[in-house]
């Protein structure tokens, strides 16, 4: 499927028969959205291409099973025929003004060993020395460290439900 690939930025509502090489950057868990008496299950992803352009991707209801266990973080895939929807002006856009909806017509093929260009690193990492700037705030940062000890598993409560959790001790320098 490598022939005829285009960049994310080239895919818009006038595009037909497009294929994009993407890397999965983020994978959310399956969530349930409710609007009055209606409820929908959905799962959100974030893809990126070798130019650093990102696109939000969503899968709804029965189509969640299509991608279950298939789209793995940091893996590369060829994606074509996703439905394009314009991001509302109220939300604001980055470099790309559409989001994709994966449905039964979307083709997803693993690009392992394709020999394509390496995709850029998408995470802005901060040193542990940066922690005091975000202490006692709701700001999230990305850090990279080595786990030196994993504490025993325990039950934690998150969003009103009991989950399995574990704390880790990490270091950034030895």
Protein backbone atom coordinates (compact mmCIF):
# COMPACT_ATOMS: atom_id res chain seq x y z
CA UNK A 1 0.00 0.00 0.00
CA UNK A 2 3.08 2.27 0.10
CA UNK A 3 2.64 3.63 -3.44
CA UNK A 4 0.61 6.80 -3.79
CA UNK A 5 0.78 7.90 -0.16
CA UNK A 6 0.15 11.55 0.68
CA UNK A 7 0.79 13.69 3.75
CA UNK A 8 -1.95 14.36 6.30
CA UNK A 9 -1.93 18.03 5.31
CA UNK A 10 -2.89 17.07 1.73
CA UNK A 11 -6.06 15.23 2.79
CA UNK A 12 -9.19 17.37 2.70
CA UNK A 13 -12.84 17.04 1.67
CA UNK A 14 -11.90 17.18 -2.03
CA UNK A 15 -9.45 14.26 -1.69
CA UNK A 16 -10.41 10.90 -3.13
CA UNK A 17 -8.66 7.53 -2.80
CA UNK A 18 -6.01 8.87 -0.45
CA UNK A 19 -3.59 6.82 1.67
CA UNK A 20 -1.48 8.27 4.50
CA UNK A 21 1.42 6.72 6.41
CA UNK A 22 0.79 7.57 10.06
CA UNK A 23 2.21 6.74 13.45
CA UNK A 24 -0.16 6.24 16.38
CA UNK A 25 0.76 8.83 19.01
CA UNK A 26 -2.07 8.43 21.52
CA UNK A 27 -4.70 5.80 22.23
CA UNK A 28 -7.56 6.57 24.63
CA UNK A 29 -9.65 3.98 26.36
CA UNK A 30 -13.20 3.30 25.18
CA UNK A 31 -15.57 5.91 26.61
CA UNK A 32 -19.33 6.30 26.75
CA UNK A 33 -20.86 9.61 25.72
CA UNK A 34 -24.41 10.43 26.77
CA UNK A 35 -26.82 12.94 25.27
CA UNK A 36 -30.21 12.77 26.98
CA UNK A 37 -31.49 9.22 26.41
CA UNK A 38 -28.87 8.32 23.79
CA UNK A 39 -25.48 6.87 24.59
CA UNK A 40 -22.58 6.16 22.26
CA UNK A 41 -19.33 4.37 22.83
CA UNK A 42 -16.28 5.93 21.24
CA UNK A 43 -12.51 5.74 21.25
CA UNK A 44 -10.14 8.57 20.38
CA UNK A 45 -6.69 8.31 18.79
CA UNK A 46 -4.06 10.78 17.68
CA UNK A 47 -2.03 10.07 14.56
CA UNK A 48 0.99 11.92 13.18
CA UNK A 49 2.97 11.83 9.94
CA UNK A 50 6.65 12.32 9.10
CA UNK A 51 6.13 16.09 8.76
CA UNK A 52 4.94 16.38 12.36
CA UNK A 53 1.30 17.09 11.42
CA UNK A 54 -1.17 15.54 13.85
CA UNK A 55 -4.78 14.50 13.31
CA UNK A 56 -7.39 13.49 15.87
CA UNK A 57 -9.20 10.29 15.01
CA UNK A 58 -12.40 8.92 16.52
CA UNK A 59 -14.20 5.59 16.23
CA UNK A 60 -17.86 5.21 17.24
CA UNK A 61 -20.08 2.36 18.48
CA UNK A 62 -19.80 -0.91 16.52
CA UNK A 63 -16.70 0.32 14.68
CA UNK A 64 -14.73 0.35 17.94
CA UNK A 65 -14.38 -3.43 17.50
CA UNK A 66 -12.72 -2.86 14.09
CA UNK A 67 -9.71 -1.16 15.71
CA UNK A 68 -9.71 -3.03 19.03
CA UNK A 69 -6.16 -4.35 19.47
CA UNK A 70 -5.12 -3.19 15.96
CA UNK A 71 -3.96 0.39 16.42
CA UNK A 72 -1.05 0.28 18.85
CA UNK A 73 0.90 3.26 20.20
CA UNK A 74 4.10 4.11 18.29
CA UNK A 75 3.33 1.67 15.46
CA UNK A 76 3.08 2.86 11.86
CA UNK A 77 0.07 2.20 9.64
CA UNK A 78 -1.25 3.02 6.20
CA UNK A 79 -4.73 4.49 6.57
CA UNK A 80 -7.17 5.28 3.78
CA UNK A 81 -10.84 6.06 3.33
CA UNK A 82 -11.52 7.52 6.76
CA UNK A 83 -14.41 9.97 6.88
CA UNK A 84 -13.27 13.60 7.17
CA UNK A 85 -15.08 16.08 9.37
CA UNK A 86 -14.20 19.70 9.83
CA UNK A 87 -13.18 20.80 13.32
CA UNK A 88 -15.72 23.40 14.55
CA UNK A 89 -14.42 26.98 14.68
CA UNK A 90 -15.23 27.19 18.39
CA UNK A 91 -12.73 24.42 19.14
CA UNK A 92 -9.96 25.99 17.11
CA UNK A 93 -7.53 24.14 14.93
CA UNK A 94 -3.83 23.60 14.78
CA UNK A 95 -2.09 23.01 11.48
CA UNK A 96 -4.83 20.67 10.21
CA UNK A 97 -8.50 21.63 10.30
CA UNK A 98 -10.11 18.17 10.02
CA UNK A 99 -10.55 15.12 12.21
CA UNK A 100 -11.02 11.60 10.90
CA UNK A 101 -13.77 9.11 11.70
CA UNK A 102 -12.87 5.47 11.20
CA UNK A 103 -15.75 3.34 9.96
CA UNK A 104 -16.30 0.02 8.20
CA UNK A 105 -14.99 1.50 4.91
CA UNK A 106 -11.67 2.61 6.38
CA UNK A 107 -8.64 0.54 5.38
CA UNK A 108 -5.90 0.14 8.00
CA UNK A 109 -2.74 -1.77 7.18
CA UNK A 110 0.37 -2.19 9.35
CA UNK A 111 3.49 -0.60 7.85
CA UNK A 112 6.08 -2.65 9.74
CA UNK A 113 9.43 -2.84 8.00
CA UNK A 114 8.23 -0.59 5.21
CA UNK A 115 11.55 1.24 4.99
CA UNK A 116 9.73 4.58 4.99
CA UNK A 117 11.16 7.69 6.60
CA UNK A 118 11.28 7.59 10.38
CA UNK A 119 8.49 9.58 11.97
CA UNK A 120 9.49 12.41 14.33
CA UNK A 121 9.41 12.16 18.08
CA UNK A 122 6.17 13.83 19.20
CA UNK A 123 6.71 14.28 22.91
CA UNK A 124 8.10 17.40 24.50
CA UNK A 125 10.06 15.93 27.40
CA UNK A 126 10.95 17.87 30.53
CA UNK A 127 13.71 17.26 33.04
CA UNK A 128 12.82 16.30 36.61
CA UNK A 129 14.19 19.74 37.54
CA UNK A 130 11.04 21.20 35.93
CA UNK A 131 8.69 19.58 38.51
CA UNK A 132 8.63 22.57 40.86
CA UNK A 133 7.16 24.77 38.09
CA UNK A 134 4.07 22.56 37.79
CA UNK A 135 3.69 21.44 41.41
CA UNK A 136 0.19 22.09 42.78
CA UNK A 137 -1.21 22.86 39.31
CA UNK A 138 -3.35 20.95 36.83
CA UNK A 139 -0.63 21.09 34.17
CA UNK A 140 0.57 17.78 32.75
CA UNK A 141 4.13 17.31 31.50
CA UNK A 142 5.96 14.42 29.83
CA UNK A 143 9.04 13.02 31.53
CA UNK A 144 11.26 10.09 30.70
CA UNK A 145 12.90 8.02 33.40
CA UNK A 146 13.93 4.55 34.46
CA UNK A 147 11.69 2.58 36.81
CA UNK A 148 13.85 1.47 39.74
CA UNK A 149 11.05 0.07 41.89
CA UNK A 150 7.40 -0.87 41.36
CA UNK A 151 5.29 -0.71 44.51
CA UNK A 152 2.67 -3.40 45.20
CA UNK A 153 -0.56 -3.22 43.19
CA UNK A 154 -3.60 -1.69 44.85
CA UNK A 155 -7.15 -0.62 44.13
CA UNK A 156 -7.61 3.05 43.24
CA UNK A 157 -10.79 4.99 42.59
CA UNK A 158 -10.90 7.01 39.37
CA UNK A 159 -13.93 8.78 37.89
CA UNK A 160 -16.20 7.03 40.38
CA UNK A 161 -15.11 3.48 39.65
CA UNK A 162 -12.60 1.12 41.20
CA UNK A 163 -9.51 0.47 39.10
CA UNK A 164 -6.25 -1.40 39.45
CA UNK A 165 -3.27 0.85 40.13
CA UNK A 166 0.40 0.77 41.00
CA UNK A 167 2.93 3.45 41.95
CA UNK A 168 6.45 3.44 40.51
CA UNK A 169 9.67 5.08 41.61
CA UNK A 170 11.56 6.52 38.64
CA UNK A 171 14.88 8.35 38.20
CA UNK A 172 16.21 10.42 35.33
CA UNK A 173 19.90 10.17 36.23
CA UNK A 174 21.88 7.68 38.26
